[in-house]
C-alpha atoms as a PDB file:
ATOM      1  CA  UNK A   1      13.762 -45.550 -25.516  1.00  0.00           C
ATOM      2  CA  UNK A   2      13.310 -46.042 -29.352  1.00  0.00           C
ATOM      3  CA  UNK A   3      13.641 -43.581 -32.088  1.00  0.00           C
ATOM      4  CA  UNK A   4      13.874 -42.786 -35.790  1.00  0.00           C
ATOM      5  CA  UNK A   5      15.161 -40.041 -37.099  1.00  0.00           C
ATOM      6  CA  UNK A   6      13.872 -40.702 -40.478  1.00  0.00           C
ATOM      7  CA  UNK A   7      10.423 -40.655 -40.238  1.00  0.00           C
ATOM      8  CA  UNK A   8       9.879 -39.211 -35.974  1.00  0.00           C
ATOM      9  CA  UNK A   9       8.663 -41.999 -34.599  1.00  0.00           C
ATOM     10  CA  UNK A  10       9.005 -42.027 -30.556  1.00  0.00           C
ATOM     11  CA  UNK A  11      10.619 -39.139 -30.273  1.00  0.00           C
ATOM     12  CA  UNK A  12       7.296 -37.893 -27.891  1.00  0.00           C
ATOM     13  CA  UNK A  13       8.525 -41.072 -26.257  1.00  0.00           C
ATOM     14  CA  UNK A  14      12.238 -39.839 -26.005  1.00  0.00           C
ATOM     15  CA  UNK A  15      10.881 -35.923 -23.865  1.00  0.00           C
ATOM     16  CA  UNK A  16       8.722 -37.610 -22.195  1.00  0.00           C
ATOM     17  CA  UNK A  17      11.597 -39.436 -20.580  1.00  0.00           C
ATOM     18  CA  UNK A  18      14.335 -37.127 -20.503  1.00  0.00           C
ATOM     19  CA  UNK A  19      11.402 -34.558 -18.952  1.00  0.00           C
ATOM     20  CA  UNK A  20      10.887 -36.993 -16.209  1.00  0.00           C
ATOM     21  CA  UNK A  21      14.674 -37.723 -15.616  1.00  0.00           C
ATOM     22  CA  UNK A  22      15.436 -33.965 -14.990  1.00  0.00           C
ATOM     23  CA  UNK A  23      12.173 -33.477 -12.640  1.00  0.00           C
ATOM     24  CA  UNK A  24      14.117 -36.109 -10.204  1.00  0.00           C
ATOM     25  CA  UNK A  25      17.076 -33.826 -10.259  1.00  0.00           C
ATOM     26  CA  UNK A  26      15.396 -30.280 -10.538  1.00  0.00           C
ATOM     27  CA  UNK A  27      13.091 -28.996  -8.174  1.00  0.00           C
ATOM     28  CA  UNK A  28      11.386 -25.688  -7.719  1.00  0.00           C
ATOM     29  CA  UNK A  29      12.905 -23.673  -4.585  1.00  0.00           C
ATOM     30  CA  UNK A  30      12.599 -20.418  -2.832  1.00  0.00           C
ATOM     31  CA  UNK A  31      15.631 -18.281  -2.727  1.00  0.00           C
ATOM     32  CA  UNK A  32      15.360 -14.769  -0.699  1.00  0.00           C
ATOM     33  CA  UNK A  33      18.755 -11.983  -1.250  1.00  0.00           C
ATOM     34  CA  UNK A  34      19.016  -9.283   0.524  1.00  0.00           C
ATOM     35  CA  UNK A  35      19.519  -5.610  -1.114  1.00  0.00           C
ATOM     36  CA  UNK A  36      23.051  -6.451  -0.123  1.00  0.00           C
ATOM     37  CA  UNK A  37      23.283 -10.155  -2.022  1.00  0.00           C
ATOM     38  CA  UNK A  38      22.498  -8.695  -5.180  1.00  0.00           C
ATOM     39  CA  UNK A  39      25.940  -9.148  -6.790  1.00  0.00           C
ATOM     40  CA  UNK A  40      25.168 -12.990  -6.428  1.00  0.00           C
ATOM     41  CA  UNK A  41      22.272 -12.943  -9.456  1.00  0.00           C
ATOM     42  CA  UNK A  42      24.828 -14.345 -11.945  1.00  0.00           C
ATOM     43  CA  UNK A  43      25.786 -16.896  -9.725  1.00  0.00           C
ATOM     44  CA  UNK A  44      21.912 -17.724  -9.274  1.00  0.00           C
ATOM     45  CA  UNK A  45      21.338 -17.851 -13.288  1.00  0.00           C
ATOM     46  CA  UNK A  46      24.404 -19.852 -13.582  1.00  0.00           C
ATOM     47  CA  UNK A  47      23.079 -22.310 -11.188  1.00  0.00           C
ATOM     48  CA  UNK A  48      19.676 -22.448 -11.594  1.00  0.00           C
ATOM     49  CA  UNK A  49      16.503 -21.738 -13.999  1.00  0.00           C
ATOM     50  CA  UNK A  50      14.998 -18.749 -12.062  1.00  0.00           C
ATOM     51  CA  UNK A  51      11.159 -19.198 -12.137  1.00  0.00           C
ATOM     52  CA  UNK A  52      10.559 -16.006 -11.098  1.00  0.00           C
ATOM     53  CA  UNK A  53      11.531 -12.864  -8.964  1.00  0.00           C
ATOM     54  CA  UNK A  54      10.094  -9.915  -6.934  1.00  0.00           C
ATOM     55  CA  UNK A  55      11.537  -7.379  -5.278  1.00  0.00           C
ATOM     56  CA  UNK A  56      10.556  -7.066  -1.869  1.00  0.00           C
ATOM     57  CA  UNK A  57      10.034  -4.024   0.225  1.00  0.00           C
ATOM     58  CA  UNK A  58      13.645  -3.854   1.817  1.00  0.00           C
ATOM     59  CA  UNK A  59      15.245  -4.046  -1.530  1.00  0.00           C
ATOM     60  CA  UNK A  60      16.450  -7.834  -1.795  1.00  0.00           C
ATOM     61  CA  UNK A  61      14.446 -10.505  -4.054  1.00  0.00           C
ATOM     62  CA  UNK A  62      12.797 -13.317  -3.386  1.00  0.00           C
ATOM     63  CA  UNK A  63      13.117 -15.730  -6.430  1.00  0.00           C
ATOM     64  CA  UNK A  64      11.794 -19.259  -7.241  1.00  0.00           C
ATOM     65  CA  UNK A  65      14.123 -21.176  -9.445  1.00  0.00           C
ATOM     66  CA  UNK A  66      14.375 -24.543  -9.778  1.00  0.00           C
ATOM     67  CA  UNK A  67      18.117 -26.155  -9.333  1.00  0.00           C
ATOM     68  CA  UNK A  68      19.542 -29.446  -8.273  1.00  0.00           C
ATOM     69  CA  UNK A  69      19.745 -30.191  -4.817  1.00  0.00           C
ATOM     70  CA  UNK A  70      23.616 -29.437  -4.668  1.00  0.00           C
ATOM     71  CA  UNK A  71      23.301 -26.321  -6.341  1.00  0.00           C
ATOM     72  CA  UNK A  72      20.956 -25.427  -4.192  1.00  0.00           C
ATOM     73  CA  UNK A  73      22.676 -26.304  -1.234  1.00  0.00           C
ATOM     74  CA  UNK A  74      25.534 -24.187  -2.597  1.00  0.00           C
ATOM     75  CA  UNK A  75      23.252 -21.192  -2.860  1.00  0.00           C
ATOM     76  CA  UNK A  76      21.919 -21.096   0.544  1.00  0.00           C
ATOM     77  CA  UNK A  77      24.970 -20.851   1.979  1.00  0.00           C
ATOM     78  CA  UNK A  78      25.781 -17.992   0.032  1.00  0.00           C
ATOM     79  CA  UNK A  79      22.103 -16.093   0.630  1.00  0.00           C
ATOM     80  CA  UNK A  80      20.855 -17.505   3.798  1.00  0.00           C
ATOM     81  CA  UNK A  81      19.515 -14.387   5.155  1.00  0.00           C
ATOM     82  CA  UNK A  82      20.793 -13.712   8.988  1.00  0.00           C
END
């Protein structure tokens, strides 16, 4: 991508290219925590981008996150409900 810092040409093209590259790796995904798993919130915020968080009737959380395949797999290992 050609850009010019002097006259700001190509910045929109650069931003679109970066966005496209990120979308192939970062995907919107669901994640659910029980009330006993809320200590994992820090790890979730470190490994992903939290888009929304909703409390469940049983005291847990339903999250919508953006994460890479690897980070999502690691979070699922820790948060999978029985």
